[in-house]
C-alpha atoms as a PDB file:
ATOM      1  CA  MET A   1      -7.737  25.885 -30.617  1.00  0.00           C
ATOM      2  CA  ARG A   2      -7.005  27.570 -27.349  1.00  0.00           C
ATOM      3  CA  SER A   3      -9.295  26.742 -24.487  1.00  0.00           C
ATOM      4  CA  ARG A   4     -10.758  29.755 -22.758  1.00  0.00           C
ATOM      5  CA  VAL A   5     -11.104  30.020 -19.010  1.00  0.00           C
ATOM      6  CA  PRO A   6     -14.801  30.286 -18.145  1.00  0.00           C
ATOM      7  CA  VAL A   7     -15.821  33.696 -16.880  1.00  0.00           C
ATOM      8  CA  GLN A   8     -17.631  32.066 -13.980  1.00  0.00           C
ATOM      9  CA  PHE A   9     -14.389  30.463 -12.801  1.00  0.00           C
ATOM     10  CA  VAL A  10     -12.553  33.790 -12.831  1.00  0.00           C
ATOM     11  CA  VAL A  11     -15.366  35.422 -10.889  1.00  0.00           C
ATOM     12  CA  VAL A  12     -15.273  32.668  -8.258  1.00  0.00           C
ATOM     13  CA  VAL A  13     -11.500  33.035  -7.854  1.00  0.00           C
ATOM     14  CA  VAL A  14     -11.772  36.807  -7.476  1.00  0.00           C
ATOM     15  CA  VAL A  15     -14.567  36.487  -4.939  1.00  0.00           C
ATOM     16  CA  LEU A  16     -12.624  33.938  -2.891  1.00  0.00           C
ATOM     17  CA  PHE A  17      -9.561  36.169  -2.929  1.00  0.00           C
ATOM     18  CA  LEU A  18     -11.558  39.178  -1.772  1.00  0.00           C
ATOM     19  CA  LEU A  19     -13.175  37.145   0.986  1.00  0.00           C
ATOM     20  CA  TRP A  20      -9.745  36.025   2.152  1.00  0.00           C
ATOM     21  CA  ALA A  21      -8.202  39.505   1.957  1.00  0.00           C
ATOM     22  CA  LEU A  22     -11.190  41.245   3.528  1.00  0.00           C
ATOM     23  CA  ALA A  23     -11.923  38.605   6.149  1.00  0.00           C
ATOM     24  CA  PRO A  24     -12.431  40.344   9.504  1.00  0.00           C
ATOM     25  CA  PHE A  25     -10.769  37.525  11.400  1.00  0.00           C
ATOM     26  CA  GLY A  26      -7.638  35.389  11.443  1.00  0.00           C
ATOM     27  CA  THR A  27      -6.642  32.098  13.033  1.00  0.00           C
ATOM     28  CA  VAL A  28      -3.691  31.225  15.275  1.00  0.00           C
ATOM     29  CA  PRO A  29      -3.088  27.456  15.010  1.00  0.00           C
ATOM     30  CA  ALA A  30      -1.888  25.138  17.760  1.00  0.00           C
ATOM     31  CA  GLY A  31       1.758  25.501  18.725  1.00  0.00           C
ATOM     32  CA  HIS A  32       1.863  29.166  17.738  1.00  0.00           C
ATOM     33  CA  ARG A  33       1.146  32.613  19.093  1.00  0.00           C
ATOM     34  CA  GLY A  34       0.033  35.604  17.073  1.00  0.00           C
ATOM     35  CA  VAL A  35       1.328  39.154  16.822  1.00  0.00           C
ATOM     36  CA  MET A  36      -1.038  41.692  15.302  1.00  0.00           C
ATOM     37  CA  THR A  37       0.503  44.336  13.062  1.00  0.00           C
ATOM     38  CA  THR A  38      -1.363  47.451  11.993  1.00  0.00           C
ATOM     39  CA  PHE A  39       0.057  48.787   8.738  1.00  0.00           C
ATOM     40  CA  GLY A  40       3.239  46.873   9.588  1.00  0.00           C
ATOM     41  CA  SER A  41       3.590  48.142  13.166  1.00  0.00           C
ATOM     42  CA  PRO A  42       3.431  45.313  15.762  1.00  0.00           C
ATOM     43  CA  GLY A  43       1.177  45.658  18.760  1.00  0.00           C
ATOM     44  CA  GLY A  44       2.116  44.616  22.264  1.00  0.00           C
ATOM     45  CA  GLN A  45      -0.493  41.883  22.774  1.00  0.00           C
ATOM     46  CA  VAL A  46       0.257  38.194  22.343  1.00  0.00           C
ATOM     47  CA  LEU A  47      -2.618  36.433  20.596  1.00  0.00           C
ATOM     48  CA  SER A  48      -3.394  32.946  21.860  1.00  0.00           C
ATOM     49  CA  GLU A  49      -4.505  29.981  19.776  1.00  0.00           C
ATOM     50  CA  GLY A  50      -7.896  30.404  18.141  1.00  0.00           C
ATOM     51  CA  ILE A  51      -9.798  32.963  16.088  1.00  0.00           C
ATOM     52  CA  HIS A  52      -9.128  36.692  16.433  1.00  0.00           C
ATOM     53  CA  PHE A  53     -10.807  39.656  14.791  1.00  0.00           C
ATOM     54  CA  ARG A  54      -8.800  42.135  12.743  1.00  0.00           C
ATOM     55  CA  MET A  55      -9.376  45.147  10.500  1.00  0.00           C
ATOM     56  CA  PRO A  56      -9.277  43.951   6.878  1.00  0.00           C
ATOM     57  CA  LEU A  57      -6.299  45.195   4.847  1.00  0.00           C
ATOM     58  CA  ALA A  58      -5.006  47.293   7.764  1.00  0.00           C
ATOM     59  CA  GLN A  59      -4.153  44.503  10.191  1.00  0.00           C
ATOM     60  CA  THR A  60      -2.292  41.218   9.772  1.00  0.00           C
ATOM     61  CA  ILE A  61      -1.883  38.350  12.218  1.00  0.00           C
ATOM     62  CA  ASN A  62       1.727  37.118  12.153  1.00  0.00           C
ATOM     63  CA  LEU A  63       2.502  33.677  13.570  1.00  0.00           C
ATOM     64  CA  VAL A  64       5.339  32.891  15.981  1.00  0.00           C
ATOM     65  CA  ASN A  65       6.212  29.228  16.506  1.00  0.00           C
ATOM     66  CA  VAL A  66       6.273  28.372  20.235  1.00  0.00           C
ATOM     67  CA  SER A  67       6.485  24.596  19.841  1.00  0.00           C
ATOM     68  CA  ILE A  68       9.703  22.662  20.477  1.00  0.00           C
ATOM     69  CA  GLN A  69      12.209  23.131  17.665  1.00  0.00           C
ATOM     70  CA  LYS A  70      15.662  21.762  16.975  1.00  0.00           C
ATOM     71  CA  GLY A  71      18.741  23.957  16.735  1.00  0.00           C
ATOM     72  CA  GLU A  72      22.136  22.785  15.520  1.00  0.00           C
ATOM     73  CA  GLY A  73      25.563  24.369  15.578  1.00  0.00           C
ATOM     74  CA  GLU A  74      28.999  23.157  14.604  1.00  0.00           C
ATOM     75  CA  GLY A  75      32.519  24.466  14.346  1.00  0.00           C
ATOM     76  CA  ASP A  76      36.097  24.124  15.511  1.00  0.00           C
ATOM     77  CA  ALA A  77      37.249  24.883  19.051  1.00  0.00           C
ATOM     78  CA  ALA A  78      40.435  24.443  21.070  1.00  0.00           C
ATOM     79  CA  SER A  79      40.621  22.135  24.086  1.00  0.00           C
ATOM     80  CA  ARG A  80      42.510  23.038  27.268  1.00  0.00           C
ATOM     81  CA  ASP A  81      45.589  21.191  25.967  1.00  0.00           C
ATOM     82  CA  LEU A  82      45.324  23.157  22.684  1.00  0.00           C
ATOM     83  CA  GLN A  83      43.943  20.317  20.586  1.00  0.00           C
ATOM     84  CA  THR A  84      41.616  21.288  17.739  1.00  0.00           C
ATOM     85  CA  VAL A  85      38.177  19.782  18.285  1.00  0.00           C
ATOM     86  CA  HIS A  86      35.408  19.739  15.682  1.00  0.00           C
ATOM     87  CA  THR A  87      32.031  19.706  17.356  1.00  0.00           C
ATOM     88  CA  ARG A  88      28.424  19.383  16.267  1.00  0.00           C
ATOM     89  CA  VAL A  89      25.769  20.156  18.828  1.00  0.00           C
ATOM     90  CA  ALA A  90      22.001  19.699  18.560  1.00  0.00           C
ATOM     91  CA  LEU A  91      19.546  20.998  21.115  1.00  0.00           C
ATOM     92  CA  ASN A  92      15.824  21.423  21.506  1.00  0.00           C
ATOM     93  CA  TYR A  93      14.405  24.830  22.311  1.00  0.00           C
ATOM     94  CA  HIS A  94      11.137  26.698  22.230  1.00  0.00           C
ATOM     95  CA  VAL A  95      10.039  30.312  22.361  1.00  0.00           C
ATOM     96  CA  ARG A  96       8.257  31.270  25.552  1.00  0.00           C
ATOM     97  CA  PRO A  97       4.701  32.212  24.544  1.00  0.00           C
ATOM     98  CA  GLU A  98       4.804  35.475  26.490  1.00  0.00           C
ATOM     99  CA  GLY A  99       7.899  36.510  24.522  1.00  0.00           C
ATOM    100  CA  ALA A 100       6.284  36.155  21.091  1.00  0.00           C
ATOM    101  CA  VAL A 101       6.063  39.908  20.473  1.00  0.00           C
ATOM    102  CA  SER A 102       9.737  40.435  21.316  1.00  0.00           C
ATOM    103  CA  VAL A 103      10.781  37.522  19.084  1.00  0.00           C
ATOM    104  CA  PHE A 104       8.779  38.912  16.175  1.00  0.00           C
ATOM    105  CA  ARG A 105       9.810  42.553  16.665  1.00  0.00           C
ATOM    106  CA  ASP A 106      13.422  42.270  17.841  1.00  0.00           C
ATOM    107  CA  LEU A 107      14.565  39.036  16.191  1.00  0.00           C
ATOM    108  CA  GLY A 108      12.689  39.166  12.918  1.00  0.00           C
ATOM    109  CA  ASN A 109      10.857  35.992  13.951  1.00  0.00           C
ATOM    110  CA  GLU A 110      14.140  34.079  13.547  1.00  0.00           C
ATOM    111  CA  PRO A 111      15.262  33.181  17.090  1.00  0.00           C
ATOM    112  CA  GLY A 112      17.197  30.142  15.873  1.00  0.00           C
ATOM    113  CA  GLN A 113      19.447  32.076  13.513  1.00  0.00           C
ATOM    114  CA  ARG A 114      19.662  35.271  15.550  1.00  0.00           C
ATOM    115  CA  ILE A 115      20.090  33.881  19.075  1.00  0.00           C
ATOM    116  CA  ILE A 116      20.164  30.095  19.471  1.00  0.00           C
ATOM    117  CA  ILE A 117      22.844  29.074  16.955  1.00  0.00           C
ATOM    118  CA  PRO A 118      25.288  31.900  17.877  1.00  0.00           C
ATOM    119  CA  ALA A 119      24.778  31.097  21.560  1.00  0.00           C
ATOM    120  CA  VAL A 120      25.496  27.400  20.998  1.00  0.00           C
ATOM    121  CA  GLN A 121      28.644  28.164  19.029  1.00  0.00           C
ATOM    122  CA  GLU A 122      29.983  30.472  21.729  1.00  0.00           C
ATOM    123  CA  ALA A 123      29.066  27.978  24.445  1.00  0.00           C
ATOM    124  CA  VAL A 124      30.905  25.164  22.676  1.00  0.00           C
ATOM    125  CA  LYS A 125      34.070  27.264  22.443  1.00  0.00           C
ATOM    126  CA  ALA A 126      33.891  28.325  26.084  1.00  0.00           C
ATOM    127  CA  VAL A 127      33.197  24.868  27.504  1.00  0.00           C
ATOM    128  CA  THR A 128      35.638  23.009  25.251  1.00  0.00           C
ATOM    129  CA  ALA A 129      38.457  25.214  26.536  1.00  0.00           C
ATOM    130  CA  ARG A 130      37.841  23.897  30.078  1.00  0.00           C
ATOM    131  CA  PHE A 131      38.634  20.270  29.217  1.00  0.00           C
ATOM    132  CA  THR A 132      41.513  18.389  27.670  1.00  0.00           C
ATOM    133  CA  ALA A 133      40.855  16.384  24.517  1.00  0.00           C
ATOM    134  CA  GLU A 134      40.826  13.185  26.573  1.00  0.00           C
ATOM    135  CA  GLU A 135      38.384  14.631  29.110  1.00  0.00           C
ATOM    136  CA  LEU A 136      36.021  15.722  26.359  1.00  0.00           C
ATOM    137  CA  ILE A 137      35.576  12.055  25.485  1.00  0.00           C
ATOM    138  CA  ALA A 138      35.636  10.581  28.994  1.00  0.00           C
ATOM    139  CA  ARG A 139      33.325  13.209  30.538  1.00  0.00           C
ATOM    140  CA  ARG A 140      30.747  13.661  27.813  1.00  0.00           C
ATOM    141  CA  THR A 141      27.874  14.101  30.229  1.00  0.00           C
ATOM    142  CA  ASP A 142      29.613  16.919  32.094  1.00  0.00           C
ATOM    143  CA  VAL A 143      30.561  18.582  28.816  1.00  0.00           C
ATOM    144  CA  ARG A 144      26.996  18.310  27.517  1.00  0.00           C
ATOM    145  CA  ASP A 145      25.466  19.770  30.686  1.00  0.00           C
ATOM    146  CA  GLN A 146      27.891  22.665  30.783  1.00  0.00           C
ATOM    147  CA  ILE A 147      27.231  23.472  27.104  1.00  0.00           C
ATOM    148  CA  VAL A 148      23.353  23.524  27.785  1.00  0.00           C
ATOM    149  CA  ALA A 149      23.898  25.872  30.756  1.00  0.00           C
ATOM    150  CA  GLN A 150      26.430  28.079  28.921  1.00  0.00           C
ATOM    151  CA  ALA A 151      24.242  28.273  25.822  1.00  0.00           C
ATOM    152  CA  ARG A 152      21.288  29.418  27.924  1.00  0.00           C
ATOM    153  CA  ALA A 153      23.379  32.166  29.509  1.00  0.00           C
ATOM    154  CA  GLU A 154      24.728  33.238  26.117  1.00  0.00           C
ATOM    155  CA  ALA A 155      21.244  33.309  24.592  1.00  0.00           C
ATOM    156  CA  GLU A 156      19.858  35.436  27.415  1.00  0.00           C
ATOM    157  CA  SER A 157      22.827  37.796  27.154  1.00  0.00           C
ATOM    158  CA  LEU A 158      22.403  38.182  23.397  1.00  0.00           C
ATOM    159  CA  ALA A 159      18.688  38.820  23.803  1.00  0.00           C
ATOM    160  CA  ILE A 160      19.307  41.539  26.387  1.00  0.00           C
ATOM    161  CA  GLN A 161      21.958  43.175  24.213  1.00  0.00           C
ATOM    162  CA  ARG A 162      19.615  43.279  21.220  1.00  0.00           C
ATOM    163  CA  GLN A 163      16.872  44.863  23.301  1.00  0.00           C
ATOM    164  CA  GLN A 164      19.232  47.519  24.659  1.00  0.00           C
ATOM    165  CA  VAL A 165      20.877  48.517  21.380  1.00  0.00           C
ATOM    166  CA  THR A 166      19.486  51.872  20.254  1.00  0.00           C
ATOM    167  CA  PRO A 167      20.720  54.459  17.737  1.00  0.00           C
ATOM    168  CA  GLU A 168      21.797  56.655  20.643  1.00  0.00           C
ATOM    169  CA  LEU A 169      23.846  53.828  22.158  1.00  0.00           C
ATOM    170  CA  ILE A 170      25.508  53.116  18.811  1.00  0.00           C
ATOM    171  CA  ARG A 171      26.500  56.777  18.483  1.00  0.00           C
ATOM    172  CA  LEU A 172      27.867  56.816  22.021  1.00  0.00           C
ATOM    173  CA  ARG A 173      29.966  53.727  21.315  1.00  0.00           C
ATOM    174  CA  GLU A 174      31.303  55.291  18.121  1.00  0.00           C
ATOM    175  CA  MET A 175      32.268  58.446  20.037  1.00  0.00           C
ATOM    176  CA  GLU A 176      33.929  56.342  22.725  1.00  0.00           C
ATOM    177  CA  ASN A 177      35.930  54.418  20.117  1.00  0.00           C
ATOM    178  CA  GLN A 178      37.058  57.665  18.522  1.00  0.00           C
ATOM    179  CA  ARG A 179      38.058  59.083  21.911  1.00  0.00           C
ATOM    180  CA  MET A 180      40.154  56.008  22.668  1.00  0.00           C
ATOM    181  CA  ALA A 181      41.768  56.210  19.229  1.00  0.00           C
ATOM    182  CA  ILE A 182      42.676  59.868  19.793  1.00  0.00           C
ATOM    183  CA  GLU A 183      44.194  59.085  23.187  1.00  0.00           C
ATOM    184  CA  LYS A 184      46.385  56.384  21.644  1.00  0.00           C
ATOM    185  CA  TRP A 185      47.415  58.496  18.616  1.00  0.00           C
ATOM    186  CA  ASP A 186      51.054  59.579  18.710  1.00  0.00           C
ATOM    187  CA  GLY A 187      50.500  62.654  16.563  1.00  0.00           C
ATOM    188  CA  LYS A 188      52.046  61.134  13.450  1.00  0.00           C
ATOM    189  CA  PHE A 189      50.219  60.262  10.270  1.00  0.00           C
ATOM    190  CA  PRO A 190      51.045  56.901   8.737  1.00  0.00           C
ATOM    191  CA  ASN A 191      53.154  56.829   5.566  1.00  0.00           C
ATOM    192  CA  VAL A 192      50.800  55.577   2.878  1.00  0.00           C
ATOM    193  CA  ALA A 193      50.991  55.582  -0.879  1.00  0.00           C
ATOM    194  CA  GLY A 194      47.554  56.948  -1.656  1.00  0.00           C
ATOM    195  CA  GLY A 195      44.290  56.460   0.143  1.00  0.00           C
ATOM    196  CA  ALA A 196      42.482  58.661   2.623  1.00  0.00           C
ATOM    197  CA  ILE A 197      43.902  60.350   5.708  1.00  0.00           C
ATOM    198  CA  PRO A 198      42.642  58.871   9.001  1.00  0.00           C
ATOM    199  CA  PHE A 199      39.261  60.017  10.288  1.00  0.00           C
ATOM    200  CA  ILE A 200      40.760  62.387  12.880  1.00  0.00           C
ATOM    201  CA  ASN A 201      40.247  66.021  11.888  1.00  0.00           C
ATOM    202  CA  VAL A 202      43.153  68.268  12.888  1.00  0.00           C
ATOM    203  CA  SER A 203      42.591  71.999  12.742  1.00  0.00           C
ATOM    204  CA  GLN A 204      45.570  74.345  12.732  1.00  0.00           C
ATOM    205  CA  ALA A 205      45.619  77.314  15.041  1.00  0.00           C
ATOM    206  CA  PRO A 206      45.985  80.707  13.319  1.00  0.00           C
ATOM    207  CA  LYS A 207      49.578  81.962  13.103  1.00  0.00           C
END
């Protein structure tokens, strides 16, 4: 015989769910900051730790981790004497609490993947190229310090670039790329066996 779920149990579950969904407040735990979204649109206020009121169903409190986290990056780079060096770098980082809204809105709440790891990888390549393979071993402290400083600069640069990228800027860059391509074009179409003609539109003057 199949056991039936008591009706009272189902009612309790439904009531608890409704209380959770319709609760007029939310909690931001320690080590986090909150970003309130209204129908998915983030507001500009950073919510501190504690209890905050919200409109049920319409508003959601999204958490941004501002505690110290670990980021790791690895890859191959070339030393100054052109030796291939495989590196693995680990660093500790944290999101500045006042930047929680920007991290949630501009970085999809993934600063490690969007900013930190790419910055570390670029920093490793840049710094490794300044030292010979022997110096990379003998001067580890200098190499480490220069990678922390370079990674910080790279991360800040990437963050600024992401904030400044707009649809209008993308269109301007596309137009600029097309202009440069036209300037370099020698007036001849490439000999291809099939495929599309290049993007440049050439109109013939009336005879």
